[in-house]
């Protein structure tokens, strides 16, 4: 069971007590790497969310090769995602439907 930094799900997913529900009901999961969890977010959670068929996984990676990046994964199949977009901080990243919005990664904090 993962606890993401941010999760977007329809209100209907919150049908039971507490804050637990199947990951497959999420529409978007966002993870922000920290020094202690970067590899876990890049590998284990990437695979876990893809296996659960979460449509979109946004990885905000402040420690990626000394160049902070935002990577959007999508189209999960057989436990794997396709990279939909990857940008260095300072560039725009577009989230497709159902969100259809553009993030300005230049506003993301580096630390």
N, C-alpha and C. Protein backbone atom coordinates (compact mmCIF):
# COMPACT_ATOMS: atom_id res chain seq x y z
N UNK A 1 0.84 -1.17 0.00
CA UNK A 1 0.00 0.00 0.00
C UNK A 1 0.89 1.24 0.00
N UNK A 2 0.65 2.13 -0.94
CA UNK A 2 1.40 3.38 -1.03
C UNK A 2 0.54 4.55 -0.55
N UNK A 3 1.22 5.53 -0.01
CA UNK A 3 0.56 6.78 0.36
C UNK A 3 1.22 7.87 -0.48
N UNK A 4 0.57 8.28 -1.57
CA UNK A 4 1.19 9.26 -2.46
C UNK A 4 1.20 10.66 -1.86
N UNK A 5 2.04 11.51 -2.42
CA UNK A 5 2.08 12.90 -1.98
C UNK A 5 0.82 13.65 -2.39
N UNK A 6 0.27 13.28 -3.53
CA UNK A 6 -0.99 13.87 -4.00
C UNK A 6 -1.71 12.82 -4.82
N UNK A 7 -3.02 12.76 -4.64
CA UNK A 7 -3.84 11.80 -5.37
C UNK A 7 -5.11 12.50 -5.81
N UNK A 8 -5.50 12.27 -7.05
CA UNK A 8 -6.76 12.80 -7.56
C UNK A 8 -7.62 11.60 -7.93
N UNK A 9 -8.81 11.57 -7.33
CA UNK A 9 -9.75 10.48 -7.58
C UNK A 9 -11.17 11.05 -7.56
N UNK A 10 -12.08 10.39 -8.23
CA UNK A 10 -13.47 10.86 -8.18
C UNK A 10 -14.04 10.69 -6.78
N UNK A 11 -14.97 11.52 -6.43
CA UNK A 11 -15.59 11.47 -5.11
C UNK A 11 -16.19 10.09 -4.84
N UNK A 12 -16.65 9.43 -5.88
CA UNK A 12 -17.28 8.10 -5.72
C UNK A 12 -16.28 7.05 -5.23
N UNK A 13 -14.98 7.30 -5.37
CA UNK A 13 -13.97 6.35 -4.90
C UNK A 13 -13.91 6.31 -3.38
N UNK A 14 -14.37 7.36 -2.74
CA UNK A 14 -14.32 7.46 -1.29
C UNK A 14 -15.59 6.90 -0.66
N UNK A 15 -15.88 5.65 -0.96
CA UNK A 15 -17.13 5.06 -0.50
C UNK A 15 -17.02 4.32 0.81
N UNK A 16 -15.83 4.04 1.31
CA UNK A 16 -15.67 3.30 2.56
C UNK A 16 -15.15 4.18 3.67
N UNK A 17 -15.05 3.61 4.87
CA UNK A 17 -14.51 4.38 5.98
C UNK A 17 -13.01 4.63 5.82
N UNK A 18 -12.52 5.72 6.38
CA UNK A 18 -11.10 6.01 6.31
C UNK A 18 -10.70 6.57 4.96
N UNK A 19 -9.42 6.45 4.67
CA UNK A 19 -8.88 7.04 3.45
C UNK A 19 -8.31 6.00 2.50
N UNK A 20 -8.71 4.76 2.63
CA UNK A 20 -8.19 3.70 1.77
C UNK A 20 -9.18 3.37 0.66
N UNK A 21 -8.64 3.17 -0.53
CA UNK A 21 -9.44 2.68 -1.64
C UNK A 21 -8.48 2.13 -2.67
N UNK A 22 -8.95 1.31 -3.59
CA UNK A 22 -8.06 0.72 -4.59
C UNK A 22 -7.38 1.77 -5.45
N UNK A 23 -6.10 1.60 -5.67
CA UNK A 23 -5.33 2.54 -6.49
C UNK A 23 -5.91 2.66 -7.89
N UNK A 24 -6.53 1.60 -8.36
CA UNK A 24 -7.09 1.61 -9.71
C UNK A 24 -8.20 2.65 -9.88
N UNK A 25 -8.72 3.18 -8.77
CA UNK A 25 -9.77 4.20 -8.86
C UNK A 25 -9.20 5.61 -8.96
N UNK A 26 -7.89 5.75 -8.79
CA UNK A 26 -7.25 7.06 -8.89
C UNK A 26 -7.18 7.48 -10.35
N UNK A 27 -7.22 8.79 -10.58
CA UNK A 27 -7.06 9.32 -11.93
C UNK A 27 -5.65 9.85 -12.14
N UNK A 28 -5.03 10.31 -11.06
CA UNK A 28 -3.67 10.86 -11.11
C UNK A 28 -3.02 10.66 -9.75
N UNK A 29 -1.77 10.22 -9.76
CA UNK A 29 -0.97 10.12 -8.55
C UNK A 29 0.28 10.96 -8.78
N UNK A 30 0.66 11.74 -7.76
CA UNK A 30 1.86 12.57 -7.83
C UNK A 30 2.78 12.19 -6.69
N UNK A 31 4.04 11.97 -7.01
CA UNK A 31 5.07 11.71 -6.01
C UNK A 31 6.16 12.76 -6.17
N UNK A 32 6.66 13.26 -5.05
CA UNK A 32 7.75 14.23 -5.03
C UNK A 32 8.92 13.58 -4.33
N UNK A 33 10.01 13.41 -5.04
CA UNK A 33 11.15 12.71 -4.45
C UNK A 33 11.79 13.53 -3.34
N UNK A 34 12.33 12.80 -2.38
CA UNK A 34 13.16 13.39 -1.35
C UNK A 34 14.44 12.56 -1.30
N UNK A 35 15.39 13.02 -0.56
CA UNK A 35 16.67 12.32 -0.51
C UNK A 35 16.50 10.87 -0.06
N UNK A 36 15.57 10.64 0.84
CA UNK A 36 15.42 9.29 1.40
C UNK A 36 14.54 8.36 0.56
N UNK A 37 13.75 8.89 -0.38
CA UNK A 37 12.83 8.01 -1.10
C UNK A 37 12.91 8.09 -2.62
N UNK A 38 13.89 8.77 -3.17
CA UNK A 38 13.92 9.01 -4.62
C UNK A 38 13.86 7.72 -5.43
N UNK A 39 14.69 6.75 -5.11
CA UNK A 39 14.69 5.51 -5.89
C UNK A 39 13.39 4.73 -5.73
N UNK A 40 12.80 4.78 -4.54
CA UNK A 40 11.52 4.10 -4.32
C UNK A 40 10.44 4.70 -5.21
N UNK A 41 10.41 6.03 -5.31
CA UNK A 41 9.43 6.70 -6.17
C UNK A 41 9.69 6.40 -7.65
N UNK A 42 10.97 6.33 -8.03
CA UNK A 42 11.34 6.13 -9.44
C UNK A 42 11.11 4.70 -9.92
N UNK A 43 11.22 3.72 -9.01
CA UNK A 43 11.18 2.32 -9.43
C UNK A 43 9.95 1.59 -8.87
N UNK A 44 9.90 1.41 -7.55
CA UNK A 44 8.84 0.59 -6.95
C UNK A 44 7.46 1.21 -7.15
N UNK A 45 7.33 2.50 -6.85
CA UNK A 45 6.01 3.12 -7.00
C UNK A 45 5.62 3.24 -8.47
N UNK A 46 6.57 3.51 -9.33
CA UNK A 46 6.30 3.56 -10.77
C UNK A 46 5.67 2.24 -11.22
N UNK A 47 6.28 1.14 -10.82
CA UNK A 47 5.78 -0.19 -11.19
C UNK A 47 4.44 -0.47 -10.50
N UNK A 48 4.33 -0.12 -9.23
CA UNK A 48 3.10 -0.39 -8.48
C UNK A 48 1.90 0.34 -9.04
N UNK A 49 2.06 1.61 -9.35
CA UNK A 49 0.94 2.38 -9.91
C UNK A 49 0.59 1.90 -11.32
N UNK A 50 1.60 1.53 -12.09
CA UNK A 50 1.33 0.99 -13.43
C UNK A 50 0.59 -0.34 -13.34
N UNK A 51 0.99 -1.18 -12.40
CA UNK A 51 0.32 -2.47 -12.20
C UNK A 51 -1.13 -2.28 -11.80
N UNK A 52 -1.39 -1.24 -10.99
CA UNK A 52 -2.75 -0.93 -10.56
C UNK A 52 -3.54 -0.19 -11.64
N UNK A 53 -2.89 0.11 -12.75
CA UNK A 53 -3.51 0.80 -13.89
C UNK A 53 -3.98 2.21 -13.55
N UNK A 54 -3.22 2.92 -12.70
CA UNK A 54 -3.49 4.33 -12.47
C UNK A 54 -3.17 5.05 -13.78
N UNK A 55 -4.12 5.78 -14.36
CA UNK A 55 -3.92 6.34 -15.70
C UNK A 55 -2.73 7.29 -15.83
N UNK A 56 -2.48 8.12 -14.80
CA UNK A 56 -1.39 9.09 -14.89
C UNK A 56 -0.58 9.10 -13.60
N UNK A 57 0.74 9.07 -13.76
CA UNK A 57 1.67 9.16 -12.62
C UNK A 57 2.63 10.30 -12.92
N UNK A 58 2.62 11.32 -12.07
CA UNK A 58 3.51 12.46 -12.23
C UNK A 58 4.60 12.37 -11.17
N UNK A 59 5.84 12.26 -11.62
CA UNK A 59 6.99 12.18 -10.72
C UNK A 59 7.72 13.51 -10.75
N UNK A 60 7.69 14.21 -9.62
CA UNK A 60 8.43 15.46 -9.46
C UNK A 60 9.75 15.08 -8.82
N UNK A 61 10.81 15.11 -9.61
CA UNK A 61 12.11 14.57 -9.17
C UNK A 61 13.14 15.69 -9.06
N UNK A 62 13.28 16.18 -7.85
CA UNK A 62 14.22 17.28 -7.60
C UNK A 62 15.67 16.81 -7.59
N UNK A 63 15.88 15.51 -7.62
CA UNK A 63 17.24 14.97 -7.52
C UNK A 63 17.65 14.17 -8.76
N UNK A 64 17.02 14.39 -9.85
CA UNK A 64 17.31 13.65 -11.09
C UNK A 64 18.58 14.18 -11.75
N UNK A 65 19.66 13.46 -11.62
CA UNK A 65 20.92 13.79 -12.31
C UNK A 65 21.30 15.26 -12.18
N UNK A 66 21.11 15.81 -10.99
CA UNK A 66 21.44 17.21 -10.72
C UNK A 66 20.63 18.19 -11.56
N UNK A 67 19.60 17.71 -12.25
CA UNK A 67 18.71 18.58 -13.02
C UNK A 67 17.28 18.22 -12.64
N UNK A 68 16.64 19.01 -11.81
CA UNK A 68 15.28 18.68 -11.41
C UNK A 68 14.36 18.51 -12.62
N UNK A 69 13.55 17.46 -12.58
CA UNK A 69 12.65 17.17 -13.69
C UNK A 69 11.25 16.81 -13.21
N UNK A 70 10.31 16.96 -14.09
CA UNK A 70 8.95 16.48 -13.89
C UNK A 70 8.66 15.52 -15.05
N UNK A 71 8.28 14.29 -14.69
CA UNK A 71 8.02 13.28 -15.70
C UNK A 71 6.60 12.78 -15.55
N UNK A 72 5.86 12.82 -16.64
CA UNK A 72 4.49 12.34 -16.66
C UNK A 72 4.46 10.99 -17.37
N UNK A 73 3.96 9.99 -16.64
CA UNK A 73 3.82 8.64 -17.17
C UNK A 73 2.35 8.36 -17.41
N UNK A 74 2.05 7.56 -18.40
CA UNK A 74 0.66 7.21 -18.69
C UNK A 74 0.57 5.94 -19.51
N UNK A 75 -0.64 5.61 -19.93
CA UNK A 75 -0.93 4.43 -20.74
C UNK A 75 -0.36 3.16 -20.11
N UNK A 76 -0.73 2.87 -18.85
CA UNK A 76 -0.20 1.68 -18.18
C UNK A 76 -0.64 0.39 -18.87
N UNK A 77 0.31 -0.52 -18.99
CA UNK A 77 0.02 -1.82 -19.59
C UNK A 77 1.02 -2.84 -19.07
N UNK A 78 0.51 -3.93 -18.51
CA UNK A 78 1.35 -5.02 -17.99
C UNK A 78 2.39 -4.52 -16.99
N UNK A 79 2.01 -3.60 -16.12
CA UNK A 79 2.91 -3.11 -15.09
C UNK A 79 3.94 -2.11 -15.56
N UNK A 80 3.77 -1.60 -16.77
CA UNK A 80 4.71 -0.62 -17.32
C UNK A 80 3.96 0.62 -17.79
N UNK A 81 4.63 1.76 -17.68
CA UNK A 81 4.09 3.01 -18.20
C UNK A 81 4.87 3.43 -19.43
N UNK A 82 4.25 4.29 -20.20
CA UNK A 82 4.94 4.99 -21.28
C UNK A 82 5.19 6.41 -20.78
N UNK A 83 6.36 6.96 -21.07
CA UNK A 83 6.65 8.34 -20.72
C UNK A 83 5.88 9.23 -21.68
N UNK A 84 4.97 10.04 -21.14
CA UNK A 84 4.19 10.94 -21.98
C UNK A 84 4.91 12.26 -22.19
N UNK A 85 5.65 12.69 -21.16
CA UNK A 85 6.43 13.93 -21.25
C UNK A 85 7.41 13.97 -20.11
N UNK A 86 8.55 14.61 -20.33
CA UNK A 86 9.55 14.82 -19.28
C UNK A 86 10.19 16.17 -19.55
N UNK A 87 10.16 17.03 -18.53
CA UNK A 87 10.70 18.37 -18.69
C UNK A 87 11.57 18.72 -17.50
N UNK A 88 12.58 19.55 -17.75
CA UNK A 88 13.36 20.11 -16.65
C UNK A 88 12.53 21.21 -16.01
N UNK A 89 12.78 21.44 -14.71
CA UNK A 89 12.08 22.53 -14.04
C UNK A 89 12.32 23.82 -14.82
N UNK A 90 11.29 24.61 -14.94
CA UNK A 90 11.37 25.85 -15.70
C UNK A 90 10.58 25.77 -16.99
N UNK A 91 10.23 24.56 -17.40
CA UNK A 91 9.45 24.37 -18.63
C UNK A 91 8.03 23.95 -18.27
N UNK A 92 7.15 24.03 -19.24
CA UNK A 92 5.76 23.66 -19.01
C UNK A 92 5.54 22.17 -19.28
N UNK A 93 4.61 21.59 -18.52
CA UNK A 93 4.24 20.19 -18.68
C UNK A 93 2.71 20.14 -18.74
N UNK A 94 2.20 19.51 -19.79
CA UNK A 94 0.75 19.45 -20.00
C UNK A 94 0.19 18.14 -19.47
N UNK A 95 -0.86 18.24 -18.66
CA UNK A 95 -1.61 17.06 -18.22
C UNK A 95 -2.79 16.88 -19.16
N UNK A 96 -2.93 15.70 -19.76
CA UNK A 96 -4.03 15.47 -20.71
C UNK A 96 -5.38 15.33 -19.99
N UNK A 97 -6.43 15.11 -20.76
CA UNK A 97 -7.77 14.88 -20.22
C UNK A 97 -7.70 13.73 -19.21
N UNK A 98 -8.44 13.79 -18.17
CA UNK A 98 -9.56 14.70 -17.92
C UNK A 98 -9.15 16.05 -17.31
N UNK A 99 -7.85 16.28 -17.18
CA UNK A 99 -7.37 17.51 -16.54
C UNK A 99 -7.21 18.64 -17.55
N UNK A 100 -6.54 18.35 -18.65
CA UNK A 100 -6.30 19.32 -19.71
C UNK A 100 -5.81 20.66 -19.15
N UNK A 101 -4.69 20.58 -18.44
CA UNK A 101 -4.10 21.80 -17.89
C UNK A 101 -2.59 21.73 -18.02
N UNK A 102 -1.97 22.90 -18.00
CA UNK A 102 -0.53 23.00 -18.16
C UNK A 102 0.08 23.48 -16.85
N UNK A 103 1.10 22.75 -16.39
CA UNK A 103 1.82 23.11 -15.17
C UNK A 103 3.07 23.90 -15.52
N UNK A 104 3.29 24.99 -14.82
CA UNK A 104 4.53 25.77 -14.97
C UNK A 104 5.51 25.25 -13.93
N UNK A 105 6.43 24.38 -14.34
CA UNK A 105 7.36 23.78 -13.39
C UNK A 105 8.39 24.78 -12.89
N UNK A 106 8.43 25.96 -13.46
CA UNK A 106 9.33 27.00 -12.98
C UNK A 106 8.94 27.49 -11.59
N UNK A 107 7.71 27.19 -11.18
CA UNK A 107 7.24 27.61 -9.84
C UNK A 107 7.50 26.54 -8.79
N UNK A 108 8.01 25.36 -9.19
CA UNK A 108 8.26 24.28 -8.24
C UNK A 108 9.49 24.62 -7.41
N UNK A 109 9.42 24.43 -6.10
CA UNK A 109 10.60 24.69 -5.26
C UNK A 109 11.69 23.64 -5.50
N UNK A 110 12.94 24.05 -5.41
CA UNK A 110 14.07 23.15 -5.63
C UNK A 110 14.46 22.40 -4.36
N UNK A 111 14.12 22.89 -3.22
CA UNK A 111 14.61 22.28 -1.98
C UNK A 111 13.57 21.67 -1.12
